[in-house]
């Protein structure tokens, strides 16, 4: 944890307060009627010149080194993320978490770190939140003190302000990575073994229905993105998400995103609404970014009625918990479906279950790839195909363990073979799998 002296904190706060004051002077000095007629590049140049002029004037008279920093931060206040701008430019940072004006954390490589970034005060932080939320076409104030929005760069933003947030405005940003992590990268990083990657890619090409489970930040969406690469270019794919994150490369892709209710509570479009409409759009496959409620019943119906090869994710602690979650969401759909029938419906719709976890070390691992064989005698028959066994943590803080094949040969192998896809011999023989290394996916 970072420890700062009171003098350093006072100096930083004074700098931020001065920046806020200069920012307001700039806003008062701008002629909005003329500014709207300028090209953005010229407007930025004029604003930078104005900021530099204000920094050189008495009684500010900042030294040259501090002046350039002040001008840059003022421009970030106008066009960027304010004090968070350096964090948002760092490609290794996946989450930015602001717990009040004086406490900013980041997640880097799966681990939380406290930063030296500070806001001048809660008012400064609130202004920054309002600007970011407004850029996303939303609003946040005392009457609507909580908001979830998508920023122009694709990042997800969640903000909570007083009176709900007791210690000041709170801001959480899940970064959007423009460069997707590929299967090759995941194998190299040890997220899964090459044999597991081969099996999953073949499962997608053979149009098996796949359900991914895991906790928040485990890498479900990253895995879903990777699996989508193996969908043939000749198929029409429709994606349904609450916040669009999937980056499919196929030509015939229709991306749908939900719409929250307006201030009056009207106009909401849910995932279930989109899923029902998507069935009229001639999809070959449907990908639901994350099942959260009653839409799971419509998704299972689609999987059972000709839309093989569909995929989705669900929040769950393990594979069995994922199936329980599906049952609960079916109950939330409002359809009075007997439990045995609901379970049978799930078992006939889903073939492959993949559970991903973020370990205490920050590393992501595919802990289990399983086949949902059937529902019989009141129980699911789930057979693990591949597993990861954690043995400990080394001195460098990295997880130690090994991927294994359980020796179970999945029933879907016959379907794969009949279609014409052949997997390497001995792939399912019990024993350790290859370690992380170079891997060439069969796209």
Protein backbone atom coordinates (compact mmCIF):
# COMPACT_ATOMS: atom_id res chain seq x y z
CA UNK A 1 0.00 0.00 0.00
CA UNK A 2 1.26 3.49 -0.83
CA UNK A 3 2.21 5.77 2.07
CA UNK A 4 2.36 9.50 1.41
CA UNK A 5 3.52 12.27 3.72
CA UNK A 6 1.00 14.97 4.71
CA UNK A 7 3.12 17.54 2.82
CA UNK A 8 2.92 15.51 -0.39
CA UNK A 9 -0.84 15.12 -0.04
CA UNK A 10 -1.30 18.86 0.58
CA UNK A 11 0.86 19.75 -2.45
CA UNK A 12 -1.12 17.37 -4.68
CA UNK A 13 -4.45 18.68 -3.43
CA UNK A 14 -3.34 22.29 -3.97
CA UNK A 15 -2.31 21.45 -7.54
CA UNK A 16 -5.66 19.76 -8.23
CA UNK A 17 -7.60 22.66 -6.69
CA UNK A 18 -5.68 25.15 -8.83
CA UNK A 19 -6.41 23.06 -11.91
CA UNK A 20 -10.13 23.06 -11.07
CA UNK A 21 -10.08 26.85 -10.68
CA UNK A 22 -8.26 27.38 -14.00
CA UNK A 23 -10.62 24.97 -15.72
CA UNK A 24 -13.59 27.04 -14.57
CA UNK A 25 -11.91 30.25 -15.77
CA UNK A 26 -11.47 28.66 -19.19
CA UNK A 27 -15.14 27.68 -19.33
CA UNK A 28 -16.13 31.26 -18.44
CA UNK A 29 -13.79 32.69 -21.09
CA UNK A 30 -14.95 30.48 -23.97
CA UNK A 31 -17.45 31.91 -26.44
CA UNK A 32 -19.58 28.81 -27.02
CA UNK A 33 -21.25 30.27 -30.11
CA UNK A 34 -17.88 30.66 -31.86
CA UNK A 35 -16.37 27.47 -30.41
CA UNK A 36 -19.10 25.41 -32.02
CA UNK A 37 -18.08 26.70 -35.46
CA UNK A 38 -14.42 25.66 -35.17
CA UNK A 39 -12.94 22.37 -36.28
CA UNK A 40 -12.02 20.16 -33.35
CA UNK A 41 -8.27 20.36 -34.06
CA UNK A 42 -8.35 24.18 -34.10
CA UNK A 43 -10.54 24.28 -30.98
CA UNK A 44 -8.10 22.02 -29.12
CA UNK A 45 -5.20 24.25 -30.18
CA UNK A 46 -6.96 27.40 -28.98
CA UNK A 47 -7.94 25.78 -25.68
CA UNK A 48 -4.35 24.64 -25.11
CA UNK A 49 -3.10 28.16 -25.81
CA UNK A 50 -5.66 29.62 -23.40
CA UNK A 51 -4.68 27.14 -20.69
CA UNK A 52 -0.99 27.96 -21.16
CA UNK A 53 -1.77 31.69 -20.96
CA UNK A 54 -3.73 31.30 -17.70
CA UNK A 55 -0.91 29.25 -16.17
CA UNK A 56 1.62 31.99 -16.90
CA UNK A 57 -0.48 34.83 -15.50
CA UNK A 58 -0.09 36.34 -12.06
CA UNK A 59 -0.86 35.19 -9.35
CA UNK A 60 -0.53 31.63 -10.75
CA UNK A 61 2.86 32.00 -12.46
CA UNK A 62 3.67 28.29 -12.42
CA UNK A 63 7.24 27.18 -13.21
CA UNK A 64 7.74 25.92 -16.77
CA UNK A 65 7.83 22.23 -15.75
CA UNK A 66 4.63 22.44 -13.69
CA UNK A 67 3.00 24.65 -16.34
CA UNK A 68 3.22 21.99 -19.05
CA UNK A 69 1.85 19.38 -16.67
CA UNK A 70 -1.00 21.71 -15.69
CA UNK A 71 -1.90 22.42 -19.32
CA UNK A 72 -1.91 18.70 -20.12
CA UNK A 73 -4.14 17.90 -17.14
CA UNK A 74 -6.55 20.71 -17.99
CA UNK A 75 -6.88 19.30 -21.52
CA UNK A 76 -7.54 15.88 -19.97
CA UNK A 77 -10.29 17.47 -17.88
CA UNK A 78 -11.92 18.83 -21.03
CA UNK A 79 -11.46 15.94 -23.45
CA UNK A 80 -10.29 12.92 -21.45
CA UNK A 81 -10.70 11.19 -18.11
CA UNK A 82 -9.23 13.93 -15.92
CA UNK A 83 -6.69 12.60 -13.39
CA UNK A 84 -7.51 9.06 -14.58
CA UNK A 85 -6.17 9.72 -18.11
CA UNK A 86 -2.69 8.14 -17.54
CA UNK A 87 -4.37 5.02 -16.13
CA UNK A 88 -6.74 4.74 -19.09
CA UNK A 89 -3.76 4.90 -21.47
CA UNK A 90 -1.95 2.01 -19.79
CA UNK A 91 -2.76 -1.17 -21.78
CA UNK A 92 -1.91 -3.43 -18.83
CA UNK A 93 -4.67 -1.97 -16.62
CA UNK A 94 -8.00 -3.80 -16.87
CA UNK A 95 -10.01 -1.97 -14.17
CA UNK A 96 -9.94 1.52 -12.67
CA UNK A 97 -11.71 1.79 -9.31
CA UNK A 98 -12.28 5.15 -7.57
CA UNK A 99 -13.44 4.99 -3.95
CA UNK A 100 -13.79 8.70 -3.29
CA UNK A 101 -11.55 11.62 -4.22
CA UNK A 102 -8.46 10.37 -2.39
CA UNK A 103 -8.52 6.65 -3.15
CA UNK A 104 -7.93 5.22 -6.62
CA UNK A 105 -7.15 1.54 -7.26
CA UNK A 106 -6.35 -0.36 -10.45
CA UNK A 107 -6.30 -4.00 -11.46
CA UNK A 108 -3.14 -4.98 -13.28
CA UNK A 109 -2.52 -8.61 -14.28
CA UNK A 110 -5.38 -9.74 -12.06
CA UNK A 111 -4.16 -7.96 -8.91
CA UNK A 112 -5.38 -4.79 -7.21
CA UNK A 113 -2.94 -1.93 -6.65
CA UNK A 114 -3.44 1.45 -5.03
CA UNK A 115 -2.23 4.41 -7.08
CA UNK A 116 -1.03 7.91 -6.32
CA UNK A 117 -3.82 9.43 -8.43
CA UNK A 118 -6.01 11.85 -6.51
CA UNK A 119 -8.91 14.20 -7.24
CA UNK A 120 -8.99 17.68 -5.72
CA UNK A 121 -12.15 16.88 -3.74
CA UNK A 122 -15.48 15.08 -4.05
CA UNK A 123 -16.89 17.93 -6.14
CA UNK A 124 -14.05 17.50 -8.66
CA UNK A 125 -14.69 13.76 -8.82
CA UNK A 126 -18.43 14.31 -9.25
CA UNK A 127 -17.82 16.74 -12.14
CA UNK A 128 -15.60 14.14 -13.82
CA UNK A 129 -18.26 11.43 -13.38
CA UNK A 130 -21.00 13.68 -14.75
CA UNK A 131 -18.89 14.53 -17.80
CA UNK A 132 -18.14 10.86 -18.55
CA UNK A 133 -21.76 9.83 -17.99
CA UNK A 134 -23.01 12.67 -20.19
CA UNK A 135 -20.62 11.55 -22.94
CA UNK A 136 -22.38 8.18 -22.84
CA UNK A 137 -25.78 9.85 -23.21
CA UNK A 138 -26.83 9.20 -19.61
CA UNK A 139 -27.33 11.35 -16.52
CA UNK A 140 -26.48 11.08 -12.85
CA UNK A 141 -27.72 13.32 -10.02
CA UNK A 142 -29.49 13.09 -6.67
CA UNK A 143 -32.68 11.84 -8.29
CA UNK A 144 -30.76 9.21 -10.28
CA UNK A 145 -27.67 8.50 -8.12
CA UNK A 146 -26.60 5.26 -9.80
CA UNK A 147 -25.74 4.65 -13.45
CA UNK A 148 -24.30 1.92 -15.67
CA UNK A 149 -23.09 3.08 -19.07
CA UNK A 150 -20.76 2.33 -21.98
CA UNK A 151 -18.10 4.89 -22.86
CA UNK A 152 -17.28 5.80 -26.48
CA UNK A 153 -14.14 3.62 -26.40
CA UNK A 154 -16.24 0.59 -25.37
CA UNK A 155 -15.27 0.59 -21.69
CA UNK A 156 -17.98 -0.10 -19.11
CA UNK A 157 -18.64 2.54 -16.48
CA UNK A 158 -20.54 2.22 -13.21
CA UNK A 159 -20.96 5.17 -10.86
CA UNK A 160 -22.71 5.62 -7.53
CA UNK A 161 -22.92 9.02 -5.84
CA UNK A 162 -24.31 10.30 -2.51
CA UNK A 163 -26.71 9.75 -0.86
CA UNK A 164 -26.21 6.08 -1.87
CA UNK A 165 -22.40 6.24 -1.65
CA UNK A 166 -21.63 7.15 1.95
CA UNK A 167 -17.93 8.00 1.52
CA UNK A 168 -18.22 10.14 -1.58
CA UNK A 169 -18.73 9.46 -5.31
CA UNK A 170 -17.62 6.02 -6.45
CA UNK A 171 -16.55 5.15 -9.98
CA UNK A 172 -15.70 1.77 -11.54
CA UNK A 173 -14.41 1.45 -15.12
CA UNK A 174 -13.89 -1.92 -16.82
CA UNK A 175 -11.42 -1.21 -19.61
CA UNK A 176 -12.19 -2.22 -23.17
CA UNK A 177 -9.18 -3.81 -24.83
CA UNK A 178 -8.89 -2.95 -28.49
CA UNK A 179 -6.51 -5.89 -29.00
CA UNK A 180 -8.31 -9.12 -28.21
CA UNK A 181 -6.49 -11.89 -26.37
CA UNK A 182 -6.27 -14.87 -28.73
CA UNK A 183 -6.21 -18.60 -28.01
CA UNK A 184 -2.50 -18.55 -28.86
CA UNK A 185 -1.95 -15.95 -26.11
CA UNK A 186 -4.12 -17.84 -23.61
CA UNK A 187 -2.15 -21.06 -24.18
CA UNK A 188 1.14 -19.18 -23.86
CA UNK A 189 -0.03 -17.60 -20.59
CA UNK A 190 -1.13 -20.98 -19.25
CA UNK A 191 -4.85 -20.25 -19.15
CA UNK A 192 -5.51 -23.60 -20.84
CA UNK A 193 -3.52 -26.42 -22.44
CA UNK A 194 -3.13 -26.79 -26.24
CA UNK A 195 -5.23 -29.99 -26.22
CA UNK A 196 -8.06 -28.15 -24.48
CA UNK A 197 -7.91 -25.38 -27.06
CA UNK A 198 -8.07 -27.93 -29.89
CA UNK A 199 -11.10 -29.62 -28.36
CA UNK A 200 -13.00 -26.36 -27.80
CA UNK A 201 -12.28 -25.03 -31.29
CA UNK A 202 -13.50 -28.31 -32.79
CA UNK A 203 -16.60 -28.25 -30.59
CA UNK A 204 -17.51 -24.82 -31.99
CA UNK A 205 -16.94 -25.86 -35.60
CA UNK A 206 -19.13 -28.94 -34.98
CA UNK A 207 -21.98 -26.69 -33.76
CA UNK A 208 -22.07 -27.90 -30.17
CA UNK A 209 -23.88 -25.65 -27.70
CA UNK A 210 -21.38 -24.27 -25.17
CA UNK A 211 -22.00 -22.67 -21.77
CA UNK A 212 -19.16 -20.76 -20.08
CA UNK A 213 -19.24 -20.17 -16.33
CA UNK A 214 -17.07 -18.25 -13.89
CA UNK A 215 -16.92 -15.29 -11.54
CA UNK A 216 -16.59 -11.58 -12.30
CA UNK A 217 -13.39 -10.85 -14.21
CA UNK A 218 -12.60 -14.54 -14.72
CA UNK A 219 -12.29 -14.13 -18.49
CA UNK A 220 -15.62 -15.51 -19.73
CA UNK A 221 -16.07 -12.83 -22.38
CA UNK A 222 -12.47 -13.22 -23.53
CA UNK A 223 -13.01 -16.95 -23.95
CA UNK A 224 -16.32 -16.36 -25.74
CA UNK A 225 -14.56 -14.00 -28.14
CA UNK A 226 -11.96 -16.67 -28.86
CA UNK A 227 -14.51 -19.41 -29.44
CA UNK A 228 -16.40 -17.19 -31.87
CA UNK A 229 -13.34 -17.13 -34.15
CA UNK A 230 -14.04 -20.73 -35.09
CA UNK A 231 -17.57 -20.09 -36.37
CA UNK A 232 -17.53 -20.59 -40.17
CA UNK A 233 -17.75 -17.41 -42.21
CA UNK A 234 -20.76 -18.84 -44.08
CA UNK A 235 -23.01 -18.70 -40.99
CA UNK A 236 -25.14 -15.80 -39.78
CA UNK A 237 -24.48 -14.89 -36.15
CA UNK A 238 -26.51 -12.66 -33.85
CA UNK A 239 -24.97 -11.42 -30.60
CA UNK A 240 -27.07 -10.16 -27.70
CA UNK A 241 -25.41 -8.25 -24.86
CA UNK A 242 -26.25 -5.85 -22.09
CA UNK A 243 -23.05 -3.94 -22.88
CA UNK A 244 -21.49 -4.78 -26.24
CA UNK A 245 -18.03 -6.33 -25.73
CA UNK A 246 -17.82 -9.15 -28.25
CA UNK A 247 -15.62 -8.57 -31.30
CA UNK A 248 -16.65 -11.14 -33.91
CA UNK A 249 -14.66 -11.23 -37.13
CA UNK A 250 -17.27 -12.86 -39.39
CA UNK A 251 -18.90 -10.78 -42.12
CA UNK A 252 -22.54 -11.69 -41.38
CA UNK A 253 -22.80 -10.60 -37.74
CA UNK A 254 -25.67 -8.63 -36.19
CA UNK A 255 -24.77 -7.10 -32.81
CA UNK A 256 -27.69 -6.21 -30.54
CA UNK A 257 -27.46 -4.31 -27.26
CA UNK A 258 -30.08 -3.74 -24.57
CA UNK A 259 -31.48 -0.31 -23.77
CA UNK A 260 -32.06 0.87 -20.19
CA UNK A 261 -35.26 2.70 -19.22
CA UNK A 262 -35.36 6.48 -19.53
CA UNK A 263 -35.86 8.92 -16.65
CA UNK A 264 -39.59 8.18 -16.62
CA UNK A 265 -38.89 4.44 -16.43
CA UNK A 266 -40.10 3.82 -19.99
CA UNK A 267 -38.54 2.43 -23.15
CA UNK A 268 -36.48 -0.41 -21.67
CA UNK A 269 -35.42 -3.18 -24.09
CA UNK A 270 -34.21 -6.31 -22.29
CA UNK A 271 -32.07 -9.22 -23.45
CA UNK A 272 -35.20 -11.34 -23.54
CA UNK A 273 -36.87 -8.87 -25.91
CA UNK A 274 -33.83 -8.94 -28.18
CA UNK A 275 -33.55 -12.72 -28.07
CA UNK A 276 -37.17 -13.22 -29.04
CA UNK A 277 -36.77 -10.76 -31.90
CA UNK A 278 -33.51 -12.38 -33.05
CA UNK A 279 -35.37 -15.60 -33.85
CA UNK A 280 -37.09 -13.69 -36.67
CA UNK A 281 -33.75 -12.58 -38.13
CA UNK A 282 -32.76 -15.95 -39.65
CA UNK A 283 -29.81 -16.67 -37.29
CA UNK A 284 -27.61 -19.75 -37.66
CA UNK A 285 -26.18 -19.17 -34.20
CA UNK A 286 -27.11 -16.93 -31.29
CA UNK A 287 -24.55 -15.72 -28.78
CA UNK A 288 -25.87 -14.24 -25.53
CA UNK A 289 -23.07 -12.33 -23.81
CA UNK A 290 -24.32 -13.21 -20.34
CA UNK A 291 -27.53 -14.84 -19.13
CA UNK A 292 -28.94 -12.84 -16.24
CA UNK A 293 -32.65 -13.66 -16.06
CA UNK A 294 -35.67 -15.06 -17.86
CA UNK A 295 -34.00 -14.85 -21.29
CA UNK A 296 -32.26 -18.14 -20.48
CA UNK A 297 -35.49 -20.04 -21.29
CA UNK A 298 -35.66 -18.44 -24.76
CA UNK A 299 -31.97 -19.20 -25.27
CA UNK A 300 -32.48 -22.87 -24.40
CA UNK A 301 -35.47 -23.01 -26.72
CA UNK A 302 -33.31 -21.63 -29.53
CA UNK A 303 -30.62 -24.22 -28.81
CA UNK A 304 -33.24 -26.97 -28.92
CA UNK A 305 -34.92 -25.82 -32.11
CA UNK A 306 -32.30 -25.63 -34.83
CA UNK A 307 -29.82 -23.02 -33.63
CA UNK A 308 -27.02 -25.44 -32.79
CA UNK A 309 -23.65 -23.96 -31.99
CA UNK A 310 -25.07 -21.18 -29.81
CA UNK A 311 -23.09 -19.98 -26.80
CA UNK A 312 -23.52 -17.97 -23.63
CA UNK A 313 -21.95 -17.24 -20.24
CA UNK A 314 -23.27 -17.32 -16.70
CA UNK A 315 -21.93 -16.20 -13.33
CA UNK A 316 -21.25 -19.30 -11.21
CA UNK A 317 -18.72 -20.74 -8.76
CA UNK A 318 -18.40 -24.10 -10.54
CA UNK A 319 -20.00 -26.25 -13.22
CA UNK A 320 -22.75 -27.67 -10.99
CA UNK A 321 -23.56 -24.20 -9.71
CA UNK A 322 -23.92 -23.01 -13.31
CA UNK A 323 -26.65 -25.60 -13.91
CA UNK A 324 -28.40 -24.53 -10.69
CA UNK A 325 -28.24 -20.93 -11.87
CA UNK A 326 -29.90 -21.89 -15.15
CA UNK A 327 -32.72 -23.54 -13.24
CA UNK A 328 -33.18 -20.44 -11.10
CA UNK A 329 -33.28 -18.17 -14.15
CA UNK A 330 -35.87 -20.43 -15.80
CA UNK A 331 -38.00 -19.92 -12.70
CA UNK A 332 -37.53 -16.14 -13.09
CA UNK A 333 -38.91 -16.32 -16.64
CA UNK A 334 -42.43 -16.57 -15.26
CA UNK A 335 -43.16 -19.86 -16.99
CA UNK A 336 -44.52 -22.49 -14.60
CA UNK A 337 -42.22 -25.30 -15.73
CA UNK A 338 -41.86 -28.41 -13.52
CA UNK A 339 -38.32 -28.86 -12.20
CA UNK A 340 -37.78 -32.21 -13.91
CA UNK A 341 -38.86 -30.77 -17.23
CA UNK A 342 -36.62 -27.70 -16.78
CA UNK A 343 -33.60 -29.90 -16.03
CA UNK A 344 -34.34 -32.16 -18.97
CA UNK A 345 -34.62 -29.09 -21.18
CA UNK A 346 -31.20 -27.85 -20.00
CA UNK A 347 -29.60 -31.27 -20.53
CA UNK A 348 -30.83 -31.55 -24.11
CA UNK A 349 -29.80 -27.99 -24.99
CA UNK A 350 -26.26 -27.74 -23.59
CA UNK A 351 -23.50 -30.16 -24.54
CA UNK A 352 -20.23 -28.58 -23.33
CA UNK A 353 -19.60 -26.77 -20.04
CA UNK A 354 -16.47 -24.67 -19.53
CA UNK A 355 -15.60 -23.24 -16.10
CA UNK A 356 -13.04 -20.43 -15.84
CA UNK A 357 -11.65 -18.93 -12.66
CA UNK A 358 -9.36 -16.10 -11.59
CA UNK A 359 -7.00 -17.49 -8.96
CA UNK A 360 -5.76 -15.62 -5.90
CA UNK A 361 -2.53 -14.95 -7.83
CA UNK A 362 -4.50 -13.03 -10.46
CA UNK A 363 -3.99 -15.69 -13.13
CA UNK A 364 -6.93 -17.00 -15.16
CA UNK A 365 -7.32 -20.75 -15.56
CA UNK A 366 -9.81 -23.00 -17.32
CA UNK A 367 -10.47 -25.25 -14.34
CA UNK A 368 -12.80 -27.69 -16.04
CA UNK A 369 -14.17 -28.66 -19.45
CA UNK A 370 -17.10 -31.04 -19.06
CA UNK A 371 -19.78 -32.77 -21.09
CA UNK A 372 -23.39 -32.57 -19.97
CA UNK A 373 -24.39 -36.09 -20.99
CA UNK A 374 -28.02 -36.26 -19.94
CA UNK A 375 -30.54 -35.86 -17.12
CA UNK A 376 -31.52 -39.17 -15.61
CA UNK A 377 -33.13 -40.38 -12.37
CA UNK A 378 -33.40 -36.85 -11.00
CA UNK A 379 -29.73 -35.96 -11.56
CA UNK A 380 -27.53 -34.42 -14.22
CA UNK A 381 -24.87 -36.70 -15.61
CA UNK A 382 -21.84 -34.43 -16.01
CA UNK A 383 -18.49 -35.93 -17.01
CA UNK A 384 -15.24 -33.96 -16.77
CA UNK A 385 -13.06 -34.18 -19.88
CA UNK A 386 -10.19 -31.91 -18.84
CA UNK A 387 -9.37 -30.40 -15.42
CA UNK A 388 -6.77 -28.15 -13.80
CA UNK A 389 -5.36 -29.12 -10.42
CA UNK A 390 -3.75 -26.35 -8.37
CA UNK A 391 -0.86 -27.52 -6.19
CA UNK A 392 0.33 -24.24 -4.67
CA UNK A 393 1.98 -20.87 -5.24
CA UNK A 394 5.72 -20.44 -5.92
CA UNK A 395 8.05 -17.76 -4.56
CA UNK A 396 7.32 -15.46 -7.49
CA UNK A 397 3.63 -15.51 -6.60
CA UNK A 398 2.57 -17.64 -9.58
CA UNK A 399 0.22 -20.60 -9.35
CA UNK A 400 1.72 -24.06 -9.69
CA UNK A 401 -0.40 -26.89 -11.03
CA UNK A 402 -1.12 -29.02 -14.06
CA UNK A 403 -3.80 -29.62 -16.65
CA UNK A 404 -5.03 -33.21 -16.92
CA UNK A 405 -7.17 -35.32 -19.20
CA UNK A 406 -9.49 -37.40 -17.04
CA UNK A 407 -9.62 -40.35 -19.45
CA UNK A 408 -13.30 -39.81 -20.24
CA UNK A 409 -14.07 -39.95 -23.96
CA UNK A 410 -17.02 -37.62 -24.62
CA UNK A 411 -20.10 -38.89 -26.42
CA UNK A 412 -20.00 -35.86 -28.71
CA UNK A 413 -16.82 -37.31 -30.23
CA UNK A 414 -18.98 -39.57 -32.40
CA UNK A 415 -20.82 -36.51 -33.69
CA UNK A 416 -17.52 -34.76 -34.45
CA UNK A 417 -16.22 -37.77 -36.32
CA UNK A 418 -19.44 -38.20 -38.31
CA UNK A 419 -19.25 -34.58 -39.48
CA UNK A 420 -15.67 -35.10 -40.61
CA UNK A 421 -13.59 -33.55 -37.82
CA UNK A 422 -10.80 -35.66 -36.39
CA UNK A 423 -9.01 -34.92 -33.14
CA UNK A 424 -5.47 -36.15 -32.40
CA UNK A 425 -5.19 -39.73 -31.20
CA UNK A 426 -4.73 -40.09 -27.49
CA UNK A 427 -6.23 -36.65 -26.79
CA UNK A 428 -8.51 -38.05 -24.09
CA UNK A 429 -6.08 -40.54 -22.53
CA UNK A 430 -5.78 -39.98 -18.79
CA UNK A 431 -2.69 -38.05 -17.77
CA UNK A 432 -0.95 -34.69 -17.82
CA UNK A 433 -1.45 -32.37 -20.76
CA UNK A 434 1.20 -30.33 -22.54
CA UNK A 435 2.55 -27.32 -20.72
CA UNK A 436 2.07 -23.75 -21.90
CA UNK A 437 4.02 -22.84 -25.01
CA UNK A 438 3.70 -22.02 -28.66
CA UNK A 439 0.33 -22.92 -30.13
CA UNK A 440 -1.16 -22.56 -33.57
CA UNK A 441 -4.96 -22.53 -33.62
CA UNK A 442 -6.78 -24.22 -36.48
CA UNK A 443 -8.86 -21.27 -37.68
